[in-house]
């Protein structure tokens, strides 16, 4: 009995230290200096010999060269601006010549999901902006081609370049340019996800196994393969770092990251993982095919192995905070499967996760899934609220 009390005290102390470490890491990440911008400024306006800051919001530099007569003359401008991707902001450096044309654009820093950003860069997306006039809207629905599978990153980059170039047009070229108001996006994606959530709630009330399978298969098709927007630990990291995308363009993000946790808290059940998760749906389908009846010979070993997911979540969050990159926390194989955006080892990991699901029901959920940990945390909060 005494040993049990000591063990409980030790566990509670470890939990307190772990939480404090995360909180301290958040403060440290906010205090760390920003990345040196000069290399990026030089890259987008290489003909300039030196740079002088002319405005602070957005940060704008005047590119200068010195002639043979010793007099200096302006050769262009560089503006630094940012906009939200899916997992966090994307900061851009934009070089502009004296004719008001975009000369070059590079990513200075990003907190979006790395696989999405890499996909955008690998497709030469930034080349589209070269030669564009600083008065153009640069809307990905009208003026710029988006990258399929990385729409949020494509849009974030386009918005950052548009905002920055428009600011230079107003402040340095004295042109009457206004940023285009973003329309509220409510299309097939938003309607599909909302309908799935409604079907899920109806199924829960009716205790219908058939409706559960309808929502699971629907989520696999729409949230998974069609739109590639399942819940990710990277989203939680973005929330912790205060990165909130525009609700006008990211309603699905808010449904899954704000709406579903509220539903979980109110209902007192982990509905997302067992009714709406596309990866969970795939695992259940695989277990139906393979039998999914394998049982570990030792229950204690299986219980201890299931603790792996807590350590993975903790260290992924800690690393993403220290690196100031929410996308770093997204270690799940979702993008590799649903968006075909894997790199190297990710393609090796995916079958290692999927094949055991043929033998062990919801293998990923039981041993590795951050979504399970997140929803357990919400349910624990609900239990504490009930006690008080």
Protein backbone atom coordinates (compact mmCIF):
# COMPACT_ATOMS: atom_id res chain seq x y z
CA UNK A 1 0.00 0.00 0.00
CA UNK A 2 2.84 2.36 0.90
CA UNK A 3 4.69 1.44 -2.27
CA UNK A 4 1.57 2.18 -4.31
CA UNK A 5 1.28 5.66 -2.77
CA UNK A 6 4.97 6.34 -3.46
CA UNK A 7 4.55 5.21 -7.07
CA UNK A 8 1.52 7.47 -7.51
CA UNK A 9 3.42 10.44 -6.07
CA UNK A 10 6.35 9.71 -8.39
CA UNK A 11 4.05 9.50 -11.43
CA UNK A 12 2.33 12.77 -10.50
CA UNK A 13 5.71 14.48 -10.04
CA UNK A 14 6.85 13.26 -13.47
CA UNK A 15 3.63 14.58 -15.03
CA UNK A 16 4.08 18.00 -13.38
CA UNK A 17 7.71 18.20 -14.56
CA UNK A 18 6.68 17.20 -18.08
CA UNK A 19 3.96 19.88 -18.25
CA UNK A 20 6.27 22.55 -16.82
CA UNK A 21 8.94 21.61 -19.38
CA UNK A 22 6.44 22.11 -22.21
CA UNK A 23 5.30 25.47 -20.80
CA UNK A 24 8.89 26.69 -20.31
CA UNK A 25 9.74 25.53 -23.83
CA UNK A 26 6.86 27.61 -25.19
CA UNK A 27 8.18 30.73 -23.47
CA UNK A 28 11.73 30.00 -24.65
CA UNK A 29 10.54 29.57 -28.24
CA UNK A 30 8.81 32.97 -28.08
CA UNK A 31 11.99 34.61 -26.74
CA UNK A 32 14.40 33.15 -29.31
CA UNK A 33 15.57 35.66 -31.96
CA UNK A 34 14.16 35.46 -35.47
CA UNK A 35 16.18 33.95 -38.30
CA UNK A 36 18.68 36.33 -39.98
CA UNK A 37 16.85 37.84 -42.94
CA UNK A 38 19.83 39.32 -44.84
CA UNK A 39 20.65 36.17 -46.90
CA UNK A 40 17.03 36.01 -48.12
CA UNK A 41 16.93 39.74 -48.83
CA UNK A 42 20.06 39.43 -50.97
CA UNK A 43 18.71 36.35 -52.73
CA UNK A 44 15.55 38.05 -54.04
CA UNK A 45 17.31 41.31 -55.05
CA UNK A 46 20.90 40.25 -55.89
CA UNK A 47 21.77 43.40 -57.88
CA UNK A 48 21.61 45.54 -54.72
CA UNK A 49 24.87 46.18 -52.85
CA UNK A 50 23.26 47.25 -49.61
CA UNK A 51 19.83 47.53 -48.03
CA UNK A 52 18.11 50.17 -45.97
CA UNK A 53 14.91 49.61 -43.99
CA UNK A 54 12.12 51.94 -45.11
CA UNK A 55 9.05 50.55 -43.30
CA UNK A 56 8.47 48.16 -40.42
CA UNK A 57 4.96 46.89 -41.11
CA UNK A 58 5.41 44.97 -43.28
CA UNK A 59 9.20 44.98 -43.06
CA UNK A 60 10.45 46.60 -46.26
CA UNK A 61 13.99 47.28 -47.46
CA UNK A 62 15.23 49.58 -50.19
CA UNK A 63 17.93 48.00 -52.36
CA UNK A 64 20.83 50.39 -53.12
CA UNK A 65 23.88 50.41 -55.42
CA UNK A 66 26.74 52.92 -55.51
CA UNK A 67 27.70 54.34 -58.89
CA UNK A 68 31.19 55.25 -60.14
CA UNK A 69 30.55 58.86 -59.18
CA UNK A 70 30.02 57.78 -55.57
CA UNK A 71 26.30 58.54 -55.62
CA UNK A 72 23.82 55.91 -54.48
CA UNK A 73 20.73 54.93 -56.37
CA UNK A 74 17.76 52.70 -55.67
CA UNK A 75 17.42 49.44 -57.66
CA UNK A 76 14.34 47.93 -56.05
CA UNK A 77 12.63 46.82 -52.87
CA UNK A 78 12.40 43.71 -50.71
CA UNK A 79 9.35 43.12 -48.53
CA UNK A 80 8.91 40.45 -45.85
CA UNK A 81 5.35 39.33 -45.18
CA UNK A 82 3.51 36.23 -44.02
CA UNK A 83 0.16 34.46 -44.22
CA UNK A 84 -1.34 31.28 -42.78
CA UNK A 85 -0.85 27.87 -44.35
CA UNK A 86 -2.63 24.82 -42.91
CA UNK A 87 -0.41 24.19 -39.89
CA UNK A 88 0.94 27.70 -39.31
CA UNK A 89 2.27 30.88 -40.94
CA UNK A 90 4.54 30.96 -43.99
CA UNK A 91 6.91 33.94 -44.15
CA UNK A 92 8.04 35.14 -47.59
CA UNK A 93 10.71 37.51 -48.93
CA UNK A 94 9.67 39.22 -52.16
CA UNK A 95 12.04 41.15 -54.44
CA UNK A 96 10.48 43.95 -56.51
CA UNK A 97 12.17 45.98 -59.26
CA UNK A 98 11.62 49.67 -60.00
CA UNK A 99 9.01 48.85 -62.65
CA UNK A 100 6.78 47.32 -60.00
CA UNK A 101 7.36 43.72 -61.08
CA UNK A 102 8.06 40.78 -58.76
CA UNK A 103 11.63 39.73 -59.45
CA UNK A 104 11.86 36.77 -57.09
CA UNK A 105 10.23 35.22 -54.02
CA UNK A 106 11.60 32.76 -51.47
CA UNK A 107 10.33 31.16 -48.28
CA UNK A 108 12.08 32.71 -45.28
CA UNK A 109 10.47 30.55 -42.62
CA UNK A 110 7.41 28.39 -42.23
CA UNK A 111 5.43 26.67 -39.51
CA UNK A 112 3.23 24.76 -41.91
CA UNK A 113 3.33 20.98 -42.42
CA UNK A 114 6.76 20.25 -44.00
CA UNK A 115 5.45 17.71 -46.53
CA UNK A 116 3.01 20.31 -47.94
CA UNK A 117 5.72 22.97 -48.25
CA UNK A 118 8.17 20.53 -49.85
CA UNK A 119 5.49 19.53 -52.34
CA UNK A 120 4.93 23.18 -53.30
CA UNK A 121 8.67 23.80 -53.77
CA UNK A 122 9.21 20.58 -55.73
CA UNK A 123 6.55 21.65 -58.23
CA UNK A 124 8.29 25.00 -58.91
CA UNK A 125 5.28 26.88 -57.57
CA UNK A 126 7.21 30.10 -56.80
CA UNK A 127 8.23 30.57 -60.46
CA UNK A 128 4.65 31.60 -61.27
CA UNK A 129 5.06 34.85 -59.35
CA UNK A 130 8.13 36.12 -61.24
CA UNK A 131 7.15 38.98 -63.53
CA UNK A 132 3.78 39.57 -61.90
CA UNK A 133 2.77 43.18 -61.31
CA UNK A 134 2.58 44.30 -57.67
CA UNK A 135 -1.00 45.51 -58.23
CA UNK A 136 -2.31 42.05 -59.21
CA UNK A 137 -4.48 40.13 -56.74
CA UNK A 138 -2.48 36.86 -57.05
CA UNK A 139 -5.54 34.82 -56.12
CA UNK A 140 -4.94 31.07 -56.50
CA UNK A 141 -8.48 30.62 -57.77
CA UNK A 142 -7.98 33.18 -60.57
CA UNK A 143 -4.38 34.30 -61.19
CA UNK A 144 -2.16 31.54 -59.77
CA UNK A 145 -2.29 27.76 -60.20
CA UNK A 146 -2.46 25.95 -56.86
CA UNK A 147 -0.65 22.73 -56.10
CA UNK A 148 -3.13 19.87 -55.73
CA UNK A 149 -2.75 18.22 -52.33
CA UNK A 150 -1.16 21.32 -50.81
CA UNK A 151 -3.89 23.91 -51.35
CA UNK A 152 -3.50 25.62 -47.96
CA UNK A 153 0.27 26.05 -48.40
CA UNK A 154 -0.25 27.30 -51.96
CA UNK A 155 -2.82 29.82 -50.77
CA UNK A 156 -0.69 30.95 -47.81
CA UNK A 157 2.30 31.66 -50.03
CA UNK A 158 0.16 33.51 -52.58
CA UNK A 159 -1.46 35.63 -49.85
CA UNK A 160 1.88 36.54 -48.27
CA UNK A 161 3.31 37.61 -51.64
CA UNK A 162 0.11 39.48 -52.53
CA UNK A 163 -0.05 41.33 -49.19
CA UNK A 164 3.63 42.26 -49.28
CA UNK A 165 3.69 43.44 -52.88
CA UNK A 166 0.48 45.44 -52.41
CA UNK A 167 1.99 47.14 -49.36
CA UNK A 168 5.03 48.18 -51.43
CA UNK A 169 2.71 49.42 -54.18
CA UNK A 170 0.94 51.66 -51.67
CA UNK A 171 3.89 52.91 -49.62
CA UNK A 172 6.69 53.16 -52.19
CA UNK A 173 4.95 53.52 -55.56
CA UNK A 174 2.01 55.55 -54.17
CA UNK A 175 -0.51 53.39 -56.02
CA UNK A 176 -4.12 52.95 -54.91
CA UNK A 177 -4.19 49.18 -54.32
CA UNK A 178 -6.35 47.30 -51.86
CA UNK A 179 -6.08 43.69 -50.75
CA UNK A 180 -8.89 41.51 -52.07
CA UNK A 181 -11.34 40.50 -49.33
CA UNK A 182 -11.24 36.77 -48.74
CA UNK A 183 -14.62 35.16 -49.41
CA UNK A 184 -16.06 32.68 -46.93
CA UNK A 185 -15.36 29.24 -48.39
CA UNK A 186 -18.24 26.82 -48.00
CA UNK A 187 -18.03 24.21 -50.71
CA UNK A 188 -17.92 20.45 -51.16
CA UNK A 189 -15.20 19.98 -48.53
CA UNK A 190 -16.99 21.89 -45.78
CA UNK A 191 -20.41 20.39 -46.59
CA UNK A 192 -18.96 16.84 -46.67
CA UNK A 193 -17.29 17.15 -43.27
CA UNK A 194 -20.34 18.78 -41.65
CA UNK A 195 -22.61 16.04 -43.01
CA UNK A 196 -20.26 13.37 -41.66
CA UNK A 197 -20.30 15.01 -38.21
CA UNK A 198 -24.12 15.17 -38.28
CA UNK A 199 -24.36 11.52 -39.37
CA UNK A 200 -21.94 10.62 -36.58
CA UNK A 201 -24.12 12.33 -33.95
CA UNK A 202 -27.27 10.68 -35.29
CA UNK A 203 -25.53 7.32 -35.26
CA UNK A 204 -24.39 7.82 -31.67
CA UNK A 205 -27.90 8.73 -30.53
CA UNK A 206 -29.45 5.76 -32.38
CA UNK A 207 -26.54 3.46 -31.42
CA UNK A 208 -26.41 2.42 -35.07
CA UNK A 209 -23.47 0.28 -36.18
CA UNK A 210 -24.49 0.75 -39.82
CA UNK A 211 -24.30 4.56 -39.53
CA UNK A 212 -20.93 4.22 -37.83
CA UNK A 213 -19.60 2.38 -40.87
CA UNK A 214 -21.17 4.97 -43.17
CA UNK A 215 -19.32 7.79 -41.37
CA UNK A 216 -16.06 5.81 -41.21
CA UNK A 217 -16.08 5.02 -44.94
CA UNK A 218 -17.21 8.57 -45.70
CA UNK A 219 -14.33 9.97 -43.66
CA UNK A 220 -11.87 7.64 -45.41
CA UNK A 221 -13.07 8.91 -48.80
CA UNK A 222 -13.52 12.62 -48.05
CA UNK A 223 -11.44 13.61 -44.98
CA UNK A 224 -8.74 11.16 -46.05
CA UNK A 225 -8.19 10.61 -49.78
CA UNK A 226 -10.27 13.45 -51.25
CA UNK A 227 -9.21 16.40 -49.06
CA UNK A 228 -6.32 15.01 -46.94
CA UNK A 229 -7.32 16.94 -43.80
CA UNK A 230 -7.36 14.43 -40.92
CA UNK A 231 -6.56 15.46 -37.36
CA UNK A 232 -2.79 15.72 -36.79
CA UNK A 233 -0.61 16.44 -33.77
CA UNK A 234 0.81 19.28 -35.89
CA UNK A 235 -2.58 20.98 -35.52
CA UNK A 236 -2.35 20.75 -31.73
CA UNK A 237 1.18 22.18 -31.83
CA UNK A 238 -0.11 25.04 -33.97
CA UNK A 239 -2.83 25.75 -31.39
CA UNK A 240 -0.28 25.79 -28.55
CA UNK A 241 1.84 28.28 -30.51
CA UNK A 242 -1.13 30.54 -31.19
CA UNK A 243 -1.34 29.83 -34.93
CA UNK A 244 -4.99 30.10 -35.91
CA UNK A 245 -5.84 30.04 -39.64
CA UNK A 246 -8.61 32.21 -41.06
CA UNK A 247 -12.00 30.62 -40.39
CA UNK A 248 -13.18 32.02 -43.73
CA UNK A 249 -10.81 29.69 -45.58
CA UNK A 250 -10.29 26.91 -43.04
CA UNK A 251 -13.70 25.98 -41.65
CA UNK A 252 -12.82 22.26 -41.71
CA UNK A 253 -9.78 22.97 -39.51
CA UNK A 254 -12.06 24.53 -36.90
CA UNK A 255 -14.65 21.74 -37.14
CA UNK A 256 -12.02 19.07 -36.44
CA UNK A 257 -9.77 21.00 -34.02
CA UNK A 258 -12.36 23.01 -32.07
CA UNK A 259 -15.76 21.46 -32.79
CA UNK A 260 -14.86 17.80 -32.28
CA UNK A 261 -13.03 18.35 -28.95
CA UNK A 262 -16.10 20.26 -27.68
CA UNK A 263 -18.36 17.38 -28.77
CA UNK A 264 -15.99 14.91 -27.10
CA UNK A 265 -16.08 16.90 -23.87
CA UNK A 266 -19.88 17.23 -23.85
CA UNK A 267 -20.70 13.66 -24.90
CA UNK A 268 -17.92 12.07 -22.84
CA UNK A 269 -16.79 9.72 -25.61
CA UNK A 270 -13.91 9.64 -28.07
CA UNK A 271 -16.10 9.94 -31.14
CA UNK A 272 -13.49 11.24 -33.58
CA UNK A 273 -11.17 8.24 -33.31
CA UNK A 274 -13.91 5.61 -33.51
CA UNK A 275 -16.44 7.30 -35.81
CA UNK A 276 -14.68 9.92 -37.94
CA UNK A 277 -10.96 9.17 -38.26
CA UNK A 278 -10.05 8.11 -41.83
CA UNK A 279 -6.94 6.25 -40.71
CA UNK A 280 -8.94 4.45 -38.03
CA UNK A 281 -11.47 3.49 -40.70
CA UNK A 282 -8.74 2.00 -42.88
CA UNK A 283 -7.34 0.03 -39.96
CA UNK A 284 -10.77 -1.45 -39.20
CA UNK A 285 -11.23 -2.43 -42.84
CA UNK A 286 -7.82 -4.11 -42.83
CA UNK A 287 -8.63 -5.98 -39.62
CA UNK A 288 -11.86 -7.23 -41.24
CA UNK A 289 -9.79 -8.55 -44.15
CA UNK A 290 -7.02 -10.10 -42.04
CA UNK A 291 -9.08 -11.21 -39.07
CA UNK A 292 -7.54 -8.75 -36.59
CA UNK A 293 -7.75 -11.33 -33.83
CA UNK A 294 -4.11 -11.56 -32.77
CA UNK A 295 -3.71 -11.31 -29.00
CA UNK A 296 -0.47 -10.65 -27.16
CA UNK A 297 0.57 -13.58 -24.98
CA UNK A 298 1.14 -11.22 -22.06
CA UNK A 299 -1.42 -8.51 -21.23
CA UNK A 300 1.08 -6.58 -19.10
CA UNK A 301 3.52 -6.32 -22.02
CA UNK A 302 0.73 -5.06 -24.30
CA UNK A 303 -0.35 -2.47 -21.70
CA UNK A 304 3.20 -1.20 -21.31
CA UNK A 305 3.69 -1.10 -25.09
CA UNK A 306 0.55 1.05 -25.43
CA UNK A 307 2.33 3.74 -23.38
CA UNK A 308 4.63 4.38 -26.35
CA UNK A 309 2.10 6.80 -27.83
CA UNK A 310 2.35 9.11 -24.80
CA UNK A 311 6.12 9.39 -25.12
CA UNK A 312 5.86 9.97 -28.89
CA UNK A 313 3.31 12.75 -28.42
CA UNK A 314 5.28 14.44 -25.66
CA UNK A 315 8.64 14.47 -27.44
CA UNK A 316 7.08 15.43 -30.79
CA UNK A 317 5.35 18.41 -29.15
CA UNK A 318 8.50 19.39 -27.27
CA UNK A 319 10.63 19.23 -30.43
CA UNK A 320 8.10 21.20 -32.49
CA UNK A 321 7.95 23.93 -29.82
CA UNK A 322 11.73 24.24 -29.51
CA UNK A 323 12.12 24.27 -33.30
CA UNK A 324 9.15 26.67 -33.58
CA UNK A 325 7.68 24.45 -36.28
CA UNK A 326 4.23 22.91 -35.59
CA UNK A 327 4.58 20.73 -38.66
CA UNK A 328 7.47 18.89 -37.01
CA UNK A 329 4.99 17.29 -34.59
CA UNK A 330 3.06 15.63 -37.41
CA UNK A 331 4.81 12.27 -37.32
CA UNK A 332 1.68 10.39 -38.42
CA UNK A 333 1.77 8.61 -41.82
CA UNK A 334 -1.42 10.34 -42.97
CA UNK A 335 0.13 12.61 -45.61
CA UNK A 336 2.10 9.69 -47.03
CA UNK A 337 -1.06 7.62 -47.42
CA UNK A 338 -3.75 10.16 -48.28
CA UNK A 339 -1.67 12.76 -50.12
CA UNK A 340 1.08 10.53 -51.53
CA UNK A 341 3.56 13.04 -50.09
CA UNK A 342 6.01 10.74 -48.36
CA UNK A 343 9.76 11.23 -48.38
CA UNK A 344 12.25 8.37 -48.11
CA UNK A 345 11.77 6.58 -44.82
CA UNK A 346 8.10 7.61 -44.61
CA UNK A 347 7.28 5.19 -47.43
CA UNK A 348 9.10 2.49 -45.45
CA UNK A 349 7.19 3.26 -42.24
CA UNK A 350 3.72 3.24 -43.84
CA UNK A 351 3.57 -0.53 -44.59
CA UNK A 352 5.06 -1.25 -41.17
CA UNK A 353 2.02 0.50 -39.70
CA UNK A 354 -0.62 -0.87 -42.07
CA UNK A 355 0.32 -4.56 -42.32
CA UNK A 356 0.04 -5.26 -38.54
CA UNK A 357 -3.50 -3.82 -38.75
CA UNK A 358 -4.47 -6.98 -40.64
CA UNK A 359 -3.68 -9.00 -37.53
CA UNK A 360 -4.15 -6.52 -34.68
CA UNK A 361 -7.32 -4.43 -34.62
CA UNK A 362 -6.45 -0.70 -34.78
CA UNK A 363 -2.74 -1.37 -34.35
CA UNK A 364 -1.73 2.27 -34.91
CA UNK A 365 -4.43 3.60 -32.56
CA UNK A 366 -3.45 1.29 -29.74
CA UNK A 367 0.28 1.90 -29.77
CA UNK A 368 1.17 5.13 -31.63
CA UNK A 369 -1.80 7.42 -32.35
CA UNK A 370 -1.58 11.02 -31.02
CA UNK A 371 -5.31 11.47 -31.62
CA UNK A 372 -6.05 8.88 -28.96
CA UNK A 373 -3.82 10.73 -26.48
CA UNK A 374 -5.41 14.10 -27.29
CA UNK A 375 -8.96 12.79 -26.85
CA UNK A 376 -8.01 10.96 -23.64
CA UNK A 377 -6.72 14.28 -22.33
CA UNK A 378 -10.08 15.94 -23.09
CA UNK A 379 -11.98 13.13 -21.38
CA UNK A 380 -9.71 13.42 -18.33
CA UNK A 381 -10.51 17.14 -18.18
CA UNK A 382 -14.20 16.24 -18.25
CA UNK A 383 -13.69 13.83 -15.35
CA UNK A 384 -11.91 16.54 -13.32
CA UNK A 385 -14.75 18.98 -14.06
CA UNK A 386 -17.27 16.45 -12.77
CA UNK A 387 -15.31 15.98 -9.54
CA UNK A 388 -15.34 19.73 -8.87
